[in-house]
Amino acid sequence: MNHALTRIASVALAALLACVFAAAVLAADPYKENRKQARETYKMDKEGCLAVKGAERKTCMRIAKEKYDQELAEIKKDKAKK
């Protein structure tokens, strides 16, 4: 279990770094780009969950969804400020 969660964290970190880099390069419409990046991160997190089975996978998927929902809420909050 520990190895699988470490792998998931590594994949998530790599996806996050890729998204941050992409955001710096493609800042044409920050709201759209941020949503796209959040979606891509979510996809990567879900792919990382495929490495585990059973209840661990279910927990991993739930955490990935919660993280995605939180990112979307922050993006919407930032858009409302502008």
N, C-alpha and C. Protein backbone atom coordinates (compact mmCIF):
# COMPACT_ATOMS: atom_id res chain seq x y z
N MET A 1 0.83 -1.18 0.00
CA MET A 1 0.00 0.00 0.00
C MET A 1 0.87 1.24 0.00
N ASN A 2 1.89 1.27 0.79
CA ASN A 2 2.76 2.44 0.91
C ASN A 2 3.44 2.76 -0.41
N HIS A 3 3.91 1.72 -1.10
CA HIS A 3 4.58 1.92 -2.38
C HIS A 3 3.62 2.49 -3.42
N ALA A 4 2.40 1.99 -3.42
CA ALA A 4 1.41 2.46 -4.38
C ALA A 4 1.06 3.92 -4.13
N LEU A 5 0.90 4.30 -2.88
CA LEU A 5 0.58 5.69 -2.56
C LEU A 5 1.74 6.61 -2.90
N THR A 6 2.97 6.13 -2.72
CA THR A 6 4.14 6.92 -3.10
C THR A 6 4.15 7.13 -4.60
N ARG A 7 3.81 6.10 -5.34
CA ARG A 7 3.75 6.20 -6.80
C ARG A 7 2.68 7.20 -7.22
N ILE A 8 1.54 7.15 -6.56
CA ILE A 8 0.45 8.06 -6.86
C ILE A 8 0.89 9.50 -6.59
N ALA A 9 1.55 9.70 -5.48
CA ALA A 9 2.02 11.04 -5.14
C ALA A 9 3.04 11.53 -6.17
N SER A 10 3.91 10.66 -6.63
CA SER A 10 4.90 11.04 -7.64
C SER A 10 4.24 11.42 -8.95
N VAL A 11 3.25 10.66 -9.36
CA VAL A 11 2.53 10.95 -10.60
C VAL A 11 1.79 12.28 -10.46
N ALA A 12 1.16 12.49 -9.32
CA ALA A 12 0.42 13.73 -9.09
C ALA A 12 1.35 14.93 -9.10
N LEU A 13 2.52 14.79 -8.49
CA LEU A 13 3.49 15.88 -8.46
C LEU A 13 3.98 16.20 -9.86
N ALA A 14 4.26 15.19 -10.65
CA ALA A 14 4.72 15.40 -12.03
C ALA A 14 3.63 16.11 -12.84
N ALA A 15 2.40 15.70 -12.66
CA ALA A 15 1.29 16.33 -13.38
C ALA A 15 1.13 17.78 -12.95
N LEU A 16 1.26 18.01 -11.67
CA LEU A 16 1.13 19.38 -11.16
C LEU A 16 2.22 20.27 -11.71
N LEU A 17 3.44 19.78 -11.73
CA LEU A 17 4.55 20.58 -12.27
C LEU A 17 4.35 20.85 -13.76
N ALA A 18 3.87 19.87 -14.49
CA ALA A 18 3.60 20.07 -15.91
C ALA A 18 2.52 21.12 -16.10
N CYS A 19 1.52 21.09 -15.26
CA CYS A 19 0.44 22.08 -15.36
C CYS A 19 0.93 23.48 -15.02
N VAL A 20 1.77 23.58 -14.02
CA VAL A 20 2.31 24.89 -13.66
C VAL A 20 3.14 25.45 -14.80
N PHE A 21 3.95 24.62 -15.41
CA PHE A 21 4.76 25.07 -16.54
C PHE A 21 3.87 25.48 -17.71
N ALA A 22 2.86 24.69 -17.99
CA ALA A 22 1.95 25.01 -19.09
C ALA A 22 1.22 26.32 -18.82
N ALA A 23 0.88 26.56 -17.57
CA ALA A 23 0.19 27.81 -17.22
C ALA A 23 1.08 29.01 -17.49
N ALA A 24 2.36 28.88 -17.21
CA ALA A 24 3.28 29.99 -17.44
C ALA A 24 3.43 30.27 -18.93
N VAL A 25 3.39 29.24 -19.74
CA VAL A 25 3.57 29.39 -21.18
C VAL A 25 2.28 29.84 -21.86
N LEU A 26 1.17 29.29 -21.45
CA LEU A 26 -0.11 29.54 -22.12
C LEU A 26 -1.06 30.34 -21.23
N ALA A 27 -0.77 31.59 -21.04
CA ALA A 27 -1.58 32.41 -20.14
C ALA A 27 -2.58 33.28 -20.91
N ALA A 28 -3.06 32.82 -22.04
CA ALA A 28 -3.99 33.59 -22.86
C ALA A 28 -5.31 33.82 -22.11
N ASP A 29 -5.95 32.78 -21.66
CA ASP A 29 -7.17 32.88 -20.87
C ASP A 29 -6.94 32.08 -19.59
N PRO A 30 -6.55 32.76 -18.53
CA PRO A 30 -6.18 32.05 -17.30
C PRO A 30 -7.27 31.13 -16.75
N TYR A 31 -8.51 31.58 -16.83
CA TYR A 31 -9.59 30.76 -16.29
C TYR A 31 -9.72 29.44 -17.04
N LYS A 32 -9.75 29.50 -18.37
CA LYS A 32 -9.86 28.28 -19.17
C LYS A 32 -8.64 27.39 -18.98
N GLU A 33 -7.47 28.01 -18.98
CA GLU A 33 -6.24 27.23 -18.83
C GLU A 33 -6.19 26.56 -17.45
N ASN A 34 -6.59 27.27 -16.42
CA ASN A 34 -6.57 26.69 -15.08
C ASN A 34 -7.55 25.52 -14.97
N ARG A 35 -8.71 25.68 -15.59
CA ARG A 35 -9.67 24.57 -15.58
C ARG A 35 -9.11 23.37 -16.34
N LYS A 36 -8.50 23.64 -17.48
CA LYS A 36 -7.91 22.56 -18.28
C LYS A 36 -6.81 21.84 -17.48
N GLN A 37 -5.98 22.61 -16.81
CA GLN A 37 -4.90 22.03 -16.02
C GLN A 37 -5.45 21.20 -14.86
N ALA A 38 -6.49 21.70 -14.22
CA ALA A 38 -7.11 20.95 -13.12
C ALA A 38 -7.66 19.63 -13.64
N ARG A 39 -8.29 19.68 -14.82
CA ARG A 39 -8.85 18.46 -15.43
C ARG A 39 -7.73 17.46 -15.77
N GLU A 40 -6.63 17.96 -16.32
CA GLU A 40 -5.50 17.08 -16.66
C GLU A 40 -4.88 16.47 -15.40
N THR A 41 -4.75 17.27 -14.36
CA THR A 41 -4.21 16.76 -13.10
C THR A 41 -5.12 15.67 -12.55
N TYR A 42 -6.42 15.90 -12.63
CA TYR A 42 -7.39 14.92 -12.15
C TYR A 42 -7.27 13.61 -12.93
N LYS A 43 -7.12 13.73 -14.24
CA LYS A 43 -6.95 12.53 -15.07
C LYS A 43 -5.69 11.76 -14.66
N MET A 44 -4.61 12.48 -14.44
CA MET A 44 -3.35 11.83 -14.03
C MET A 44 -3.50 11.17 -12.67
N ASP A 45 -4.17 11.85 -11.75
CA ASP A 45 -4.39 11.28 -10.43
C ASP A 45 -5.21 10.00 -10.52
N LYS A 46 -6.24 10.01 -11.37
CA LYS A 46 -7.07 8.81 -11.54
C LYS A 46 -6.25 7.67 -12.15
N GLU A 47 -5.39 7.99 -13.10
CA GLU A 47 -4.54 6.96 -13.69
C GLU A 47 -3.61 6.36 -12.64
N GLY A 48 -3.13 7.20 -11.73
CA GLY A 48 -2.29 6.71 -10.64
C GLY A 48 -3.04 5.77 -9.73
N CYS A 49 -4.34 5.95 -9.62
CA CYS A 49 -5.16 5.09 -8.77
C CYS A 49 -5.31 3.68 -9.34
N LEU A 50 -5.07 3.52 -10.63
CA LEU A 50 -5.21 2.21 -11.25
C LEU A 50 -4.17 1.22 -10.75
N ALA A 51 -3.11 1.73 -10.11
CA ALA A 51 -2.05 0.86 -9.62
C ALA A 51 -2.47 0.09 -8.37
N VAL A 52 -3.53 0.54 -7.71
CA VAL A 52 -3.98 -0.12 -6.48
C VAL A 52 -5.32 -0.80 -6.73
N LYS A 53 -5.71 -1.66 -5.83
CA LYS A 53 -6.94 -2.45 -5.98
C LYS A 53 -7.87 -2.25 -4.79
N GLY A 54 -9.11 -2.60 -4.99
CA GLY A 54 -10.10 -2.67 -3.93
C GLY A 54 -10.38 -1.35 -3.24
N ALA A 55 -10.41 -1.42 -1.91
CA ALA A 55 -10.76 -0.25 -1.10
C ALA A 55 -9.73 0.87 -1.26
N GLU A 56 -8.46 0.48 -1.46
CA GLU A 56 -7.42 1.50 -1.65
C GLU A 56 -7.69 2.31 -2.92
N ARG A 57 -8.12 1.63 -3.97
CA ARG A 57 -8.43 2.32 -5.23
C ARG A 57 -9.61 3.27 -5.02
N LYS A 58 -10.62 2.79 -4.32
CA LYS A 58 -11.80 3.61 -4.07
C LYS A 58 -11.41 4.87 -3.27
N THR A 59 -10.58 4.70 -2.28
CA THR A 59 -10.11 5.83 -1.48
C THR A 59 -9.28 6.78 -2.33
N CYS A 60 -8.42 6.23 -3.14
CA CYS A 60 -7.57 7.03 -4.02
C CYS A 60 -8.42 7.85 -4.98
N MET A 61 -9.42 7.23 -5.57
CA MET A 61 -10.30 7.92 -6.51
C MET A 61 -11.08 9.04 -5.81
N ARG A 62 -11.51 8.76 -4.58
CA ARG A 62 -12.25 9.76 -3.81
C ARG A 62 -11.37 10.97 -3.51
N ILE A 63 -10.12 10.70 -3.13
CA ILE A 63 -9.18 11.78 -2.84
C ILE A 63 -8.89 12.59 -4.10
N ALA A 64 -8.72 11.92 -5.22
CA ALA A 64 -8.47 12.62 -6.49
C ALA A 64 -9.65 13.51 -6.83
N LYS A 65 -10.86 13.03 -6.66
CA LYS A 65 -12.06 13.82 -6.96
C LYS A 65 -12.18 15.01 -6.02
N GLU A 66 -11.91 14.79 -4.74
CA GLU A 66 -11.98 15.89 -3.77
C GLU A 66 -10.96 16.98 -4.11
N LYS A 67 -9.77 16.55 -4.49
CA LYS A 67 -8.73 17.50 -4.86
C LYS A 67 -9.14 18.29 -6.10
N TYR A 68 -9.72 17.62 -7.07
CA TYR A 68 -10.19 18.26 -8.30
C TYR A 68 -11.29 19.28 -7.99
N ASP A 69 -12.25 18.87 -7.16
CA ASP A 69 -13.33 19.77 -6.80
C ASP A 69 -12.81 21.00 -6.07
N GLN A 70 -11.83 20.79 -5.21
CA GLN A 70 -11.23 21.90 -4.46
C GLN A 70 -10.51 22.86 -5.42
N GLU A 71 -9.78 22.31 -6.37
CA GLU A 71 -9.08 23.15 -7.35
C GLU A 71 -10.07 23.97 -8.17
N LEU A 72 -11.17 23.34 -8.60
CA LEU A 72 -12.19 24.07 -9.37
C LEU A 72 -12.81 25.19 -8.54
N ALA A 73 -13.06 24.92 -7.27
CA ALA A 73 -13.64 25.94 -6.39
C ALA A 73 -12.70 27.13 -6.27
N GLU A 74 -11.40 26.86 -6.13
CA GLU A 74 -10.42 27.94 -6.03
C GLU A 74 -10.35 28.74 -7.33
N ILE A 75 -10.42 28.06 -8.46
CA ILE A 75 -10.38 28.72 -9.76
C ILE A 75 -11.59 29.64 -9.91
N LYS A 76 -12.76 29.15 -9.55
CA LYS A 76 -13.98 29.95 -9.65
C LYS A 76 -13.92 31.15 -8.70
N LYS A 77 -13.36 30.92 -7.53
CA LYS A 77 -13.22 32.00 -6.53
C LYS A 77 -12.29 33.09 -7.08
N ASP A 78 -11.19 32.68 -7.68
CA ASP A 78 -10.25 33.63 -8.26
C ASP A 78 -10.88 34.41 -9.41
N LYS A 79 -11.69 33.73 -10.21
CA LYS A 79 -12.34 34.40 -11.34
C LYS A 79 -13.34 35.44 -10.83
N ALA A 80 -14.04 35.11 -9.75
CA ALA A 80 -15.04 36.03 -9.20
C ALA A 80 -14.38 37.30 -8.64
N LYS A 81 -13.13 37.19 -8.19
CA LYS A 81 -12.42 38.34 -7.64
C LYS A 81 -12.07 39.35 -8.72
N LYS A 82 -11.91 38.88 -9.95
CA LYS A 82 -11.46 39.76 -11.03
C LYS A 82 -12.56 40.47 -11.69
